[in-house]
Amino acid sequence: TNKLLHSTSQGLKQLTIKHTMLTPCFPSEMSKRILEYDWSKTELGKLSNWTPSLTTSISFMLNTPLPMCISYGTHSHTLLFNDALSLSLPLPSNQLASSFLSIF
C-alpha cells in the first residue's frame, strides 16, 4: 500500500492507497494525462511499478495549487508537471514525459 497526504481544512489527512497506483485527490487535466500515459516507454517504467516515494511525490505535486514539476531519471530526466505549471509558463500538456533538459 501507498500512503498519500491530502490537504484539508483541518490539516493533512493521510490516505491509504491499495497497490502502487497513483491516485490524485483532485481530478485535473494533468492527473488524468499522467494516469493515462504509457510510461513503460520511459525510464520511469510501468505506472504499476512506481515506487511509493515516486507516487507520493507526484501526488503531492498534483495536489498543490503551486506550479511544480518533477524531473525523474538519471539519463532521461523525464518531466512530470501539474496544471498550475502548465498555466503559468505556459507549458503545453504534450510536453509531459519530455526531457526536462530539452525544455528548460
C-alpha atoms as a PDB file:
ATOM      1  CA  THR A   1       0.000   0.000   0.000  1.00  0.00           C
ATOM      2  CA  ASN A   2       0.981   3.624  -0.505  1.00  0.00           C
ATOM      3  CA  LYS A   3       0.355   6.483   1.857  1.00  0.00           C
ATOM      4  CA  LEU A   4      -0.632   9.808   0.321  1.00  0.00           C
ATOM      5  CA  LEU A   5      -1.085  13.100   2.111  1.00  0.00           C
ATOM      6  CA  HIS A   6      -4.160  15.122   1.298  1.00  0.00           C
ATOM      7  CA  SER A   7      -4.517  18.729   2.404  1.00  0.00           C
ATOM      8  CA  THR A   8      -7.827  19.515   4.102  1.00  0.00           C
ATOM      9  CA  SER A   9      -9.134  22.499   6.023  1.00  0.00           C
ATOM     10  CA  GLN A  10      -8.277  20.562   9.209  1.00  0.00           C
ATOM     11  CA  GLY A  11      -4.681  19.970   8.112  1.00  0.00           C
ATOM     12  CA  LEU A  12      -3.053  16.985   6.430  1.00  0.00           C
ATOM     13  CA  LYS A  13      -5.018  13.758   6.205  1.00  0.00           C
ATOM     14  CA  GLN A  14      -3.261  10.502   5.424  1.00  0.00           C
ATOM     15  CA  LEU A  15      -4.874   8.342   2.745  1.00  0.00           C
ATOM     16  CA  THR A  16      -4.036   4.689   2.241  1.00  0.00           C
ATOM     17  CA  ILE A  17      -3.930   3.580  -1.369  1.00  0.00           C
ATOM     18  CA  LYS A  18      -4.009  -0.117  -2.244  1.00  0.00           C
ATOM     19  CA  HIS A  19      -1.437  -1.271  -4.801  1.00  0.00           C
ATOM     20  CA  THR A  20       1.136   1.186  -6.098  1.00  0.00           C
ATOM     21  CA  MET A  21      -1.265   3.124  -8.317  1.00  0.00           C
ATOM     22  CA  LEU A  22      -1.146   6.874  -8.240  1.00  0.00           C
ATOM     23  CA  THR A  23      -4.455   8.305  -7.033  1.00  0.00           C
ATOM     24  CA  PRO A  24      -4.784  12.089  -7.171  1.00  0.00           C
ATOM     25  CA  CYS A  25      -7.047  13.681  -4.580  1.00  0.00           C
ATOM     26  CA  PHE A  26      -8.385  16.255  -7.009  1.00  0.00           C
ATOM     27  CA  PRO A  27      -9.165  15.495 -10.645  1.00  0.00           C
ATOM     28  CA  SER A  28      -7.254  17.670 -13.087  1.00  0.00           C
ATOM     29  CA  GLU A  29      -6.104  17.626 -16.685  1.00  0.00           C
ATOM     30  CA  MET A  30      -2.536  16.674 -15.795  1.00  0.00           C
ATOM     31  CA  SER A  31      -3.514  13.987 -13.289  1.00  0.00           C
ATOM     32  CA  LYS A  32      -5.677  12.421 -15.998  1.00  0.00           C
ATOM     33  CA  ARG A  33      -2.857  12.614 -18.545  1.00  0.00           C
ATOM     34  CA  ILE A  34      -0.339  11.132 -16.081  1.00  0.00           C
ATOM     35  CA  LEU A  35      -2.656   8.230 -15.250  1.00  0.00           C
ATOM     36  CA  GLU A  36      -3.388   7.521 -18.930  1.00  0.00           C
ATOM     37  CA  TYR A  37       0.162   7.928 -20.309  1.00  0.00           C
ATOM     38  CA  ASP A  38       2.140   4.825 -21.381  1.00  0.00           C
ATOM     39  CA  TRP A  39       5.085   5.199 -19.001  1.00  0.00           C
ATOM     40  CA  SER A  40       6.535   1.805 -19.945  1.00  0.00           C
ATOM     41  CA  LYS A  41       8.407   3.541 -22.790  1.00  0.00           C
ATOM     42  CA  THR A  42      10.183   5.872 -20.350  1.00  0.00           C
ATOM     43  CA  GLU A  43      12.807   5.481 -17.650  1.00  0.00           C
ATOM     44  CA  LEU A  44      10.011   5.533 -15.065  1.00  0.00           C
ATOM     45  CA  GLY A  45       8.620   2.226 -16.317  1.00  0.00           C
ATOM     46  CA  LYS A  46       5.062   0.979 -15.873  1.00  0.00           C
ATOM     47  CA  LEU A  47       2.910   3.084 -13.545  1.00  0.00           C
ATOM     48  CA  SER A  48       2.023  -0.002 -11.501  1.00  0.00           C
ATOM     49  CA  ASN A  49       5.740  -0.493 -10.713  1.00  0.00           C
ATOM     50  CA  TRP A  50       6.450   3.028  -9.466  1.00  0.00           C
ATOM     51  CA  THR A  51       7.953   3.250  -6.003  1.00  0.00           C
ATOM     52  CA  PRO A  52       5.953   4.635  -3.091  1.00  0.00           C
ATOM     53  CA  SER A  53       8.329   7.619  -2.871  1.00  0.00           C
ATOM     54  CA  LEU A  54       7.750   8.489  -6.542  1.00  0.00           C
ATOM     55  CA  THR A  55       3.951   8.174  -6.351  1.00  0.00           C
ATOM     56  CA  THR A  56       3.878  10.219  -3.150  1.00  0.00           C
ATOM     57  CA  SER A  57       5.999  12.966  -4.731  1.00  0.00           C
ATOM     58  CA  ILE A  58       3.820  13.051  -7.851  1.00  0.00           C
ATOM     59  CA  SER A  59       0.623  13.052  -5.790  1.00  0.00           C
ATOM     60  CA  PHE A  60       1.940  15.976  -3.749  1.00  0.00           C
ATOM     61  CA  MET A  61       2.832  17.826  -6.957  1.00  0.00           C
ATOM     62  CA  LEU A  62      -0.607  17.213  -8.489  1.00  0.00           C
ATOM     63  CA  ASN A  63      -2.487  18.231  -5.350  1.00  0.00           C
ATOM     64  CA  THR A  64      -0.728  21.526  -4.725  1.00  0.00           C
ATOM     65  CA  PRO A  65      -2.017  24.776  -6.226  1.00  0.00           C
ATOM     66  CA  LEU A  66       1.574  25.959  -6.736  1.00  0.00           C
ATOM     67  CA  PRO A  67       3.373  25.443 -10.064  1.00  0.00           C
ATOM     68  CA  MET A  68       5.559  22.339  -9.686  1.00  0.00           C
ATOM     69  CA  CYS A  69       7.384  19.810 -11.796  1.00  0.00           C
ATOM     70  CA  ILE A  70       9.392  16.667 -11.218  1.00  0.00           C
ATOM     71  CA  SER A  71      12.336  15.658 -13.361  1.00  0.00           C
ATOM     72  CA  TYR A  72      12.944  11.940 -12.880  1.00  0.00           C
ATOM     73  CA  GLY A  73      15.660   9.620 -14.076  1.00  0.00           C
ATOM     74  CA  THR A  74      19.410   9.598 -14.231  1.00  0.00           C
ATOM     75  CA  HIS A  75      19.566   9.742 -18.026  1.00  0.00           C
ATOM     76  CA  SER A  76      16.274  10.935 -19.442  1.00  0.00           C
ATOM     77  CA  HIS A  77      15.206  13.483 -16.797  1.00  0.00           C
ATOM     78  CA  THR A  78      11.573  12.642 -17.618  1.00  0.00           C
ATOM     79  CA  LEU A  79       9.335  15.636 -16.935  1.00  0.00           C
ATOM     80  CA  LEU A  80       6.080  15.488 -14.980  1.00  0.00           C
ATOM     81  CA  PHE A  81       4.227  18.654 -14.030  1.00  0.00           C
ATOM     82  CA  ASN A  82       0.965  19.911 -12.596  1.00  0.00           C
ATOM     83  CA  ASP A  83      -1.790  22.066 -14.083  1.00  0.00           C
ATOM     84  CA  ALA A  84      -0.544  25.186 -12.299  1.00  0.00           C
ATOM     85  CA  LEU A  85       2.835  24.966 -14.043  1.00  0.00           C
ATOM     86  CA  SER A  86       1.268  24.381 -17.457  1.00  0.00           C
ATOM     87  CA  LEU A  87      -0.823  27.518 -16.950  1.00  0.00           C
ATOM     88  CA  SER A  88       1.955  29.718 -15.598  1.00  0.00           C
ATOM     89  CA  LEU A  89       4.642  29.053 -18.247  1.00  0.00           C
ATOM     90  CA  PRO A  90       2.501  28.152 -20.375  1.00  0.00           C
ATOM     91  CA  LEU A  91       3.749  24.624 -20.885  1.00  0.00           C
ATOM     92  CA  PRO A  92       1.722  22.513 -23.341  1.00  0.00           C
ATOM     93  CA  SER A  93       0.418  19.296 -21.833  1.00  0.00           C
ATOM     94  CA  ASN A  94       2.003  17.364 -24.709  1.00  0.00           C
ATOM     95  CA  GLN A  95       5.392  18.119 -23.102  1.00  0.00           C
ATOM     96  CA  LEU A  96       4.557  15.510 -20.445  1.00  0.00           C
ATOM     97  CA  ALA A  97       7.319  12.869 -20.320  1.00  0.00           C
ATOM     98  CA  SER A  98       9.667  15.009 -22.434  1.00  0.00           C
ATOM     99  CA  SER A  99      13.202  15.507 -21.231  1.00  0.00           C
ATOM    100  CA  PHE A 100      13.465  18.272 -18.661  1.00  0.00           C
ATOM    101  CA  LEU A 101      16.760  19.328 -20.244  1.00  0.00           C
ATOM    102  CA  SER A 102      15.186  19.791 -23.678  1.00  0.00           C
ATOM    103  CA  ILE A 103      12.526  22.159 -22.319  1.00  0.00           C
ATOM    104  CA  PHE A 104      14.381  24.152 -19.689  1.00  0.00           C
END
